[in-house]
Protein backbone atom coordinates (compact mmCIF):
# COMPACT_ATOMS: atom_id res chain seq x y z
CA UNK A 1 -23.74 -87.36 -143.99
CA UNK A 2 -21.99 -89.44 -141.32
CA UNK A 3 -19.88 -87.87 -138.58
CA UNK A 4 -16.96 -89.50 -136.80
CA UNK A 5 -16.71 -88.38 -133.17
CA UNK A 6 -13.70 -88.58 -130.86
CA UNK A 7 -15.40 -89.18 -127.52
CA UNK A 8 -12.16 -89.05 -125.52
CA UNK A 9 -10.88 -85.70 -126.74
CA UNK A 10 -13.87 -84.17 -128.48
CA UNK A 11 -13.35 -80.61 -127.19
CA UNK A 12 -9.65 -80.36 -128.03
CA UNK A 13 -8.83 -76.88 -129.29
CA UNK A 14 -11.93 -75.36 -127.67
CA UNK A 15 -11.80 -72.67 -125.00
CA UNK A 16 -14.58 -72.72 -122.41
CA UNK A 17 -15.66 -70.39 -119.62
CA UNK A 18 -17.72 -71.68 -116.69
CA UNK A 19 -19.11 -69.01 -114.39
CA UNK A 20 -19.59 -70.01 -110.77
CA UNK A 21 -17.08 -72.72 -111.62
CA UNK A 22 -15.32 -73.09 -108.28
CA UNK A 23 -17.83 -75.38 -106.54
CA UNK A 24 -21.00 -77.41 -106.92
CA UNK A 25 -22.34 -78.16 -110.37
CA UNK A 26 -20.15 -75.43 -111.87
CA UNK A 27 -16.99 -77.15 -110.69
CA UNK A 28 -18.20 -80.51 -112.01
CA UNK A 29 -19.04 -78.94 -115.38
CA UNK A 30 -15.59 -77.35 -115.58
CA UNK A 31 -13.88 -80.67 -114.81
CA UNK A 32 -16.08 -82.49 -117.33
CA UNK A 33 -15.12 -80.07 -120.12
CA UNK A 34 -11.48 -80.30 -119.09
CA UNK A 35 -11.63 -84.09 -119.32
CA UNK A 36 -12.99 -83.74 -122.87
CA UNK A 37 -9.91 -81.78 -123.91
CA UNK A 38 -11.06 -78.16 -123.61
CA UNK A 39 -9.06 -75.31 -122.17
CA UNK A 40 -11.26 -74.29 -119.24
CA UNK A 41 -11.55 -70.97 -117.44
CA UNK A 42 -13.55 -70.65 -114.24
CA UNK A 43 -14.71 -67.50 -112.51
CA UNK A 44 -16.26 -66.63 -109.17
CA UNK A 45 -15.88 -64.00 -106.48
CA UNK A 46 -13.56 -66.21 -104.43
CA UNK A 47 -10.90 -68.74 -105.49
CA UNK A 48 -11.68 -72.45 -105.26
CA UNK A 49 -10.96 -74.19 -101.98
CA UNK A 50 -9.51 -77.15 -103.88
CA UNK A 51 -6.93 -75.99 -106.39
CA UNK A 52 -6.69 -77.45 -109.88
CA UNK A 53 -3.84 -75.95 -111.86
CA UNK A 54 -5.48 -77.07 -115.10
CA UNK A 55 -8.44 -74.74 -114.48
CA UNK A 56 -7.61 -71.08 -115.12
CA UNK A 57 -9.26 -68.94 -112.43
CA UNK A 58 -10.41 -65.32 -112.75
CA UNK A 59 -11.73 -63.56 -109.65
CA UNK A 60 -14.75 -61.36 -110.45
CA UNK A 61 -18.20 -60.42 -109.21
CA UNK A 62 -20.37 -60.99 -112.26
CA UNK A 63 -23.43 -59.47 -110.62
CA UNK A 64 -21.80 -56.11 -111.46
CA UNK A 65 -20.98 -54.79 -114.95
CA UNK A 66 -17.36 -54.13 -114.00
CA UNK A 67 -16.95 -57.79 -113.06
CA UNK A 68 -18.04 -58.79 -116.56
CA UNK A 69 -15.50 -56.42 -118.06
CA UNK A 70 -12.69 -57.97 -115.99
CA UNK A 71 -13.54 -61.48 -117.19
CA UNK A 72 -14.08 -60.60 -120.84
CA UNK A 73 -10.85 -58.64 -121.15
CA UNK A 74 -8.73 -61.30 -119.46
CA UNK A 75 -10.23 -64.19 -121.44
CA UNK A 76 -9.79 -62.51 -124.81
CA UNK A 77 -6.35 -61.06 -123.98
CA UNK A 78 -4.95 -64.37 -122.74
CA UNK A 79 -6.78 -66.92 -124.90
CA UNK A 80 -7.81 -64.88 -127.94
CA UNK A 81 -11.25 -66.46 -128.28
CA UNK A 82 -14.09 -68.18 -126.48
CA UNK A 83 -15.87 -71.17 -128.01
CA UNK A 84 -18.07 -72.33 -125.12
CA UNK A 85 -19.79 -70.15 -122.52
CA UNK A 86 -21.49 -71.85 -119.57
CA UNK A 87 -23.55 -69.26 -117.67
CA UNK A 88 -23.79 -71.27 -114.47
CA UNK A 89 -23.49 -68.56 -111.81
CA UNK A 90 -26.70 -68.00 -109.87
CA UNK A 91 -28.37 -68.39 -106.55
CA UNK A 92 -30.81 -66.97 -104.08
CA UNK A 93 -29.96 -65.13 -100.87
CA UNK A 94 -33.34 -63.53 -100.26
CA UNK A 95 -35.19 -64.17 -97.03
CA UNK A 96 -38.38 -66.18 -96.80
CA UNK A 97 -41.79 -64.72 -96.18
CA UNK A 98 -43.26 -64.08 -99.61
CA UNK A 99 -43.69 -60.89 -101.58
CA UNK A 100 -44.34 -58.54 -98.66
CA UNK A 101 -40.90 -58.87 -97.05
CA UNK A 102 -38.83 -58.33 -100.20
CA UNK A 103 -37.35 -54.92 -101.00
CA UNK A 104 -36.44 -53.45 -104.38
CA UNK A 105 -32.78 -53.99 -103.49
CA UNK A 106 -33.32 -57.71 -102.95
CA UNK A 107 -35.22 -58.04 -106.22
CA UNK A 108 -32.52 -56.16 -108.13
CA UNK A 109 -29.71 -58.22 -106.61
CA UNK A 110 -31.36 -61.47 -107.68
CA UNK A 111 -32.08 -60.18 -111.18
CA UNK A 112 -28.51 -58.91 -111.57
CA UNK A 113 -27.08 -62.28 -110.53
CA UNK A 114 -29.46 -64.66 -112.27
CA UNK A 115 -30.50 -62.78 -115.42
CA UNK A 116 -28.38 -59.74 -116.24
CA UNK A 117 -25.06 -61.47 -115.58
CA UNK A 118 -25.54 -63.98 -118.43
CA UNK A 119 -27.04 -61.28 -120.65
CA UNK A 120 -23.91 -59.14 -120.25
CA UNK A 121 -21.52 -62.04 -120.85
CA UNK A 122 -23.42 -63.18 -123.94
CA UNK A 123 -23.36 -59.66 -125.34
CA UNK A 124 -19.62 -59.40 -124.77
CA UNK A 125 -18.55 -62.77 -126.18
CA UNK A 126 -21.04 -63.22 -129.03
CA UNK A 127 -19.34 -60.84 -131.53
CA UNK A 128 -16.18 -62.96 -131.75
CA UNK A 129 -18.27 -66.14 -131.96
CA UNK A 130 -20.34 -64.66 -134.79
CA UNK A 131 -17.20 -63.52 -136.59
CA UNK A 132 -15.88 -67.10 -136.52
CA UNK A 133 -19.37 -68.58 -137.18
CA UNK A 134 -19.07 -71.00 -134.26
CA UNK A 135 -19.86 -71.10 -130.57
CA UNK A 136 -22.09 -72.64 -127.93
CA UNK A 137 -23.80 -70.88 -125.03
CA UNK A 138 -25.45 -72.79 -122.19
CA UNK A 139 -27.68 -71.05 -119.67
CA UNK A 140 -28.10 -72.91 -116.39
CA UNK A 141 -31.62 -72.05 -115.25
CA UNK A 142 -33.73 -73.98 -112.72
CA UNK A 143 -36.98 -75.91 -112.51
CA UNK A 144 -38.10 -73.07 -110.22
CA UNK A 145 -38.74 -71.09 -113.40
CA UNK A 146 -41.73 -73.44 -113.78
CA UNK A 147 -42.18 -74.59 -110.19
CA UNK A 148 -41.57 -71.48 -108.01
CA UNK A 149 -41.33 -71.57 -104.22
CA UNK A 150 -43.03 -68.26 -103.42
CA UNK A 151 -42.21 -68.36 -99.72
CA UNK A 152 -38.45 -68.57 -100.12
CA UNK A 153 -37.09 -67.88 -103.62
CA UNK A 154 -39.59 -65.62 -105.37
CA UNK A 155 -37.08 -63.24 -107.09
CA UNK A 156 -34.79 -66.13 -108.04
CA UNK A 157 -37.64 -68.06 -109.68
CA UNK A 158 -38.80 -64.96 -111.57
CA UNK A 159 -35.27 -64.22 -112.80
CA UNK A 160 -34.80 -67.79 -114.00
CA UNK A 161 -38.13 -67.64 -115.84
CA UNK A 162 -36.83 -64.52 -117.58
CA UNK A 163 -33.62 -66.38 -118.43
CA UNK A 164 -35.64 -69.13 -120.14
CA UNK A 165 -37.45 -66.63 -122.34
CA UNK A 166 -34.27 -64.69 -123.11
CA UNK A 167 -32.35 -67.86 -123.98
CA UNK A 168 -34.99 -68.97 -126.47
CA UNK A 169 -35.13 -65.53 -128.07
CA UNK A 170 -31.34 -65.33 -128.35
CA UNK A 171 -31.14 -68.76 -129.95
CA UNK A 172 -33.54 -67.67 -132.67
CA UNK A 173 -31.42 -64.61 -133.38
CA UNK A 174 -28.01 -66.25 -133.61
CA UNK A 175 -28.73 -69.76 -134.95
CA UNK A 176 -28.28 -68.56 -138.54
CA UNK A 177 -24.88 -67.15 -137.53
CA UNK A 178 -23.54 -70.53 -136.42
CA UNK A 179 -24.14 -70.15 -132.68
CA UNK A 180 -26.06 -72.64 -130.57
CA UNK A 181 -27.88 -71.46 -127.41
CA UNK A 182 -29.37 -73.97 -124.98
CA UNK A 183 -30.81 -74.02 -121.47
CA UNK A 184 -30.30 -76.64 -118.78
CA UNK A 185 -32.78 -76.54 -115.89
CA UNK A 186 -31.73 -78.71 -112.95
CA UNK A 187 -33.89 -79.65 -110.03
CA UNK A 188 -32.38 -80.13 -106.60
CA UNK A 189 -28.65 -80.91 -106.80
CA UNK A 190 -26.89 -82.51 -103.84
CA UNK A 191 -23.89 -80.21 -103.69
CA UNK A 192 -21.61 -79.76 -100.68
CA UNK A 193 -23.77 -76.78 -99.70
CA UNK A 194 -26.89 -78.96 -99.88
CA UNK A 195 -25.23 -81.60 -97.71
CA UNK A 196 -24.41 -78.97 -95.10
CA UNK A 197 -28.00 -77.76 -95.23
CA UNK A 198 -29.24 -81.31 -94.62
CA UNK A 199 -26.97 -81.52 -91.59
CA UNK A 200 -28.38 -78.27 -90.20
CA UNK A 201 -31.97 -79.39 -90.79
CA UNK A 202 -31.28 -82.76 -89.17
CA UNK A 203 -29.69 -81.13 -86.17
CA UNK A 204 -32.44 -78.56 -85.65
CA UNK A 205 -35.25 -81.10 -86.12
CA UNK A 206 -33.46 -83.88 -84.22
CA UNK A 207 -33.81 -86.18 -87.21
CA UNK A 208 -31.46 -88.15 -89.45
CA UNK A 209 -29.83 -86.87 -92.63
CA UNK A 210 -32.07 -89.24 -94.59
CA UNK A 211 -35.19 -87.84 -92.91
CA UNK A 212 -34.04 -84.28 -93.54
CA UNK A 213 -33.47 -85.09 -97.21
CA UNK A 214 -36.91 -86.67 -97.46
CA UNK A 215 -38.51 -83.59 -95.92
CA UNK A 216 -36.93 -81.31 -98.53
CA UNK A 217 -38.00 -83.63 -101.35
CA UNK A 218 -41.54 -83.56 -99.97
CA UNK A 219 -41.46 -79.75 -99.92
CA UNK A 220 -40.65 -79.88 -103.64
CA UNK A 221 -43.70 -82.08 -104.22
CA UNK A 222 -41.57 -85.22 -104.35
CA UNK A 223 -38.82 -86.48 -106.63
CA UNK A 224 -40.05 -89.64 -108.39
CA UNK A 225 -36.48 -90.83 -108.91
CA UNK A 226 -36.13 -90.87 -105.14
CA UNK A 227 -33.10 -88.63 -104.66
CA UNK A 228 -31.56 -85.31 -105.72
CA UNK A 229 -29.19 -85.27 -108.67
CA UNK A 230 -25.43 -85.34 -108.29
CA UNK A 231 -23.36 -82.46 -109.73
CA UNK A 232 -21.62 -84.91 -112.05
CA UNK A 233 -24.95 -85.90 -113.61
CA UNK A 234 -25.69 -82.29 -114.54
CA UNK A 235 -22.14 -81.93 -115.83
CA UNK A 236 -22.52 -84.97 -118.07
CA UNK A 237 -25.60 -83.47 -119.71
CA UNK A 238 -23.77 -80.19 -120.30
CA UNK A 239 -20.76 -82.08 -121.64
CA UNK A 240 -22.94 -83.71 -124.26
CA UNK A 241 -24.72 -80.49 -125.22
CA UNK A 242 -21.50 -78.58 -125.94
CA UNK A 243 -20.00 -81.49 -127.89
CA UNK A 244 -20.07 -82.01 -131.68
CA UNK A 245 -22.57 -84.82 -131.03
CA UNK A 246 -25.20 -82.16 -130.23
CA UNK A 247 -24.56 -79.98 -133.28
CA UNK A 248 -28.22 -79.89 -134.35
CA UNK A 249 -29.55 -78.86 -130.93
CA UNK A 250 -30.34 -75.22 -130.25
CA UNK A 251 -33.12 -73.18 -128.67
CA UNK A 252 -34.15 -76.04 -126.37
CA UNK A 253 -34.52 -76.37 -122.60
CA UNK A 254 -33.26 -79.60 -121.06
CA UNK A 255 -34.76 -80.42 -117.66
CA UNK A 256 -32.78 -82.69 -115.34
CA UNK A 257 -34.86 -83.09 -112.19
CA UNK A 258 -35.52 -86.78 -111.60
CA UNK A 259 -39.17 -86.21 -112.57
CA UNK A 260 -39.84 -83.43 -110.03
CA UNK A 261 -41.96 -81.26 -112.33
CA UNK A 262 -45.33 -83.02 -112.31
CA UNK A 263 -46.57 -81.84 -115.73
CA UNK A 264 -45.46 -82.24 -119.33
């Protein structure tokens, strides 16, 4: 059976939610889905610095159950459905130093943000997807699930590894109900925050931005492609995965890291 795809407006009629959608890769993903014709909702604790009236913003802290409730109620009350869920929110704020310096509170905060937040959103939005027999869920994980940096992001890496396992298990459960579940695991992305970090490293080490960038790539074991990814490159992959062109894909992890992970 042949399919005819409208590449310019392929998500018309679809409603999408991008968590952590106000900056970085999340913002690029939201704009990519918007360009494909979707109605796009973004959520984060704080509003975006650069306003885009075409992106509907909901303020919420998704690391807490009450934040999930705020988002779910507003999305379904205002839009009536959700077709695409991009669980992009995540991050690490724990201090370096390895296992000995991390408290239960720091572990729990990272797990709430990076694992339980998408679990709660999936659980809330899946019933209406299952009822309509259609929907796509993307979990944004990280190559640190396979390549952890124990000295600086131990809880984050562990939570993302849990997200990989959960995502695969969920896909097996809901594939027969018409729902696709996929994972995207980026390597280092050169976001605005990463650029500011390079400036700080360069200043403290009295080096250039290029040298600072090279030092971080070396700490990751090297990036064969020679540079970090751009947010738009991650967004383009997500844009394909949620499109009708990817209808047969589910239960799979897609790594976008410029070759950073050294094994198959």
